[in-house]
Amino acid sequence: MMKSPFPSYHPNLIHEPTLYRLDEAVMHYGESIKEITNEEFGNGIMSATVFYRSADKVKGGNGEDRVVATFGGKYLPYTEQKSEHMASKSTTNNKQLLIYTPIYRRKILRSCTIAQ
């Protein structure tokens, strides 16, 4: 490959067999991957914005060719958005709802209240 493909999404792309199997693997093992990631790093997400990927060929236990797919993304911990730091607060006597967002979304704050 001489040039990296343009990152994009097309609805029919998932029908391509390799991408379908990759999606299937993530759907089957996604929860386990998430739990291991949270155990290692704490509560948060892996960013797909600053992202790298690689595919390596290895020999399996029975001599078969196997693919090792590696994804590397920046880890973004979730942060607690305290009500006193919110851009818009309710003036009534309602309880303020804390919003948990990744750090990169700090600028997107919503004022949420729960009626007593």
Protein backbone atom coordinates (compact mmCIF):
# COMPACT_ATOMS: atom_id res chain seq x y z
CA MET A 1 0.00 0.00 0.00
CA MET A 2 1.61 3.24 -1.14
CA LYS A 3 -0.89 5.62 0.43
CA SER A 4 -3.20 5.41 3.44
CA PRO A 5 -6.87 5.16 2.42
CA PHE A 6 -9.13 8.06 3.27
CA PRO A 7 -10.99 7.31 6.53
CA SER A 8 -14.66 7.16 5.63
CA TYR A 9 -17.84 5.19 6.13
CA HIS A 10 -20.22 3.88 3.52
CA PRO A 11 -23.32 1.87 4.59
CA ASN A 12 -22.64 -0.88 2.02
CA LEU A 13 -19.01 -1.28 3.15
CA ILE A 14 -19.97 -3.64 5.99
CA HIS A 15 -21.02 -6.23 3.38
CA GLU A 16 -17.36 -6.68 2.38
CA PRO A 17 -16.38 -10.04 4.01
CA THR A 18 -13.24 -8.88 5.83
CA LEU A 19 -14.97 -5.83 7.30
CA TYR A 20 -18.03 -7.91 8.21
CA ARG A 21 -15.82 -10.34 10.19
CA LEU A 22 -13.97 -7.49 11.88
CA ASP A 23 -17.30 -5.95 12.91
CA GLU A 24 -18.47 -9.37 14.11
CA ALA A 25 -15.33 -9.79 16.26
CA VAL A 26 -15.83 -6.38 17.86
CA MET A 27 -19.50 -7.17 18.56
CA HIS A 28 -18.60 -10.51 20.19
CA TYR A 29 -15.58 -9.35 22.19
CA GLY A 30 -16.31 -5.63 22.59
CA GLU A 31 -17.63 -5.86 26.15
CA SER A 32 -14.57 -7.86 27.27
CA ILE A 33 -12.22 -5.40 25.56
CA LYS A 34 -14.04 -2.51 27.26
CA GLU A 35 -13.80 -4.16 30.70
CA ILE A 36 -10.08 -4.89 30.30
CA THR A 37 -9.47 -1.32 29.08
CA ASN A 38 -11.36 0.12 32.06
CA GLU A 39 -9.45 -2.15 34.43
CA GLU A 40 -6.11 -0.98 33.03
CA PHE A 41 -6.88 2.72 32.53
CA GLY A 42 -10.01 3.56 34.53
CA ASN A 43 -13.38 4.66 33.20
CA GLY A 44 -13.04 6.21 29.73
CA ILE A 45 -12.80 5.56 26.00
CA MET A 46 -10.26 5.04 23.24
CA SER A 47 -10.27 7.89 20.75
CA ALA A 48 -10.57 7.06 17.08
CA THR A 49 -9.52 10.57 16.06
CA VAL A 50 -5.78 10.21 16.72
CA PHE A 51 -5.64 6.57 15.71
CA TYR A 52 -3.24 4.09 14.17
CA ARG A 53 -3.75 0.55 13.01
CA SER A 54 -1.58 -2.28 11.78
CA ALA A 55 -2.02 -5.84 10.55
CA ASP A 56 0.69 -8.46 10.96
CA LYS A 57 0.97 -12.00 9.64
CA VAL A 58 1.93 -14.73 12.12
CA LYS A 59 1.88 -18.54 12.11
CA GLY A 60 -0.71 -20.25 14.27
CA GLY A 61 -0.21 -23.33 16.43
CA ASN A 62 -1.07 -25.64 13.53
CA GLY A 63 1.05 -23.76 11.00
CA GLU A 64 -1.87 -21.76 9.59
CA ASP A 65 -1.54 -18.08 8.69
CA ARG A 66 -3.16 -15.76 11.22
CA VAL A 67 -3.81 -12.01 11.30
CA VAL A 68 -2.85 -9.87 14.29
CA ALA A 69 -4.82 -6.62 14.08
CA THR A 70 -3.59 -3.81 16.32
CA PHE A 71 -5.54 -0.63 17.03
CA GLY A 72 -3.92 2.26 18.89
CA GLY A 73 -5.93 5.23 20.07
CA LYS A 74 -5.47 7.95 22.63
CA TYR A 75 -7.12 7.14 25.97
CA LEU A 76 -9.67 9.73 27.09
CA PRO A 77 -10.80 9.37 30.72
CA TYR A 78 -14.35 10.30 31.67
CA THR A 79 -14.61 13.31 33.94
CA GLU A 80 -17.31 14.40 36.33
CA GLN A 81 -19.01 17.63 35.30
CA LYS A 82 -20.00 19.31 38.56
CA SER A 83 -23.11 21.46 38.58
CA GLU A 84 -21.24 24.55 39.82
CA HIS A 85 -19.11 24.46 36.66
CA MET A 86 -22.02 24.18 34.25
CA ALA A 87 -22.60 27.01 31.80
CA SER A 88 -26.33 27.17 32.52
CA LYS A 89 -27.88 26.43 35.91
CA SER A 90 -31.46 26.13 37.00
CA THR A 91 -32.59 28.88 39.36
CA THR A 92 -35.26 26.66 40.91
CA ASN A 93 -34.70 24.34 43.83
CA ASN A 94 -34.21 21.27 41.60
CA LYS A 95 -31.38 18.78 41.97
CA GLN A 96 -28.72 19.12 39.29
CA LEU A 97 -27.80 16.02 37.30
CA LEU A 98 -24.08 15.30 36.93
CA ILE A 99 -23.01 14.61 33.37
CA TYR A 100 -20.17 12.17 32.70
CA THR A 101 -18.37 12.97 29.46
CA PRO A 102 -14.95 12.31 27.98
CA ILE A 103 -12.50 15.19 28.42
CA TYR A 104 -12.65 16.17 24.75
CA ARG A 105 -16.37 16.91 25.09
CA ARG A 106 -16.03 19.27 28.05
CA LYS A 107 -17.13 22.21 25.94
CA ILE A 108 -20.42 20.51 25.17
CA LEU A 109 -22.34 20.93 28.41
CA ARG A 110 -26.05 20.50 28.88
CA SER A 111 -27.99 21.73 31.86
CA CYS A 112 -30.11 18.88 33.12
CA THR A 113 -32.33 19.02 36.16
CA ILE A 114 -34.39 16.49 38.04
CA ALA A 115 -37.63 17.72 39.58
CA GLN A 116 -38.00 16.91 43.27
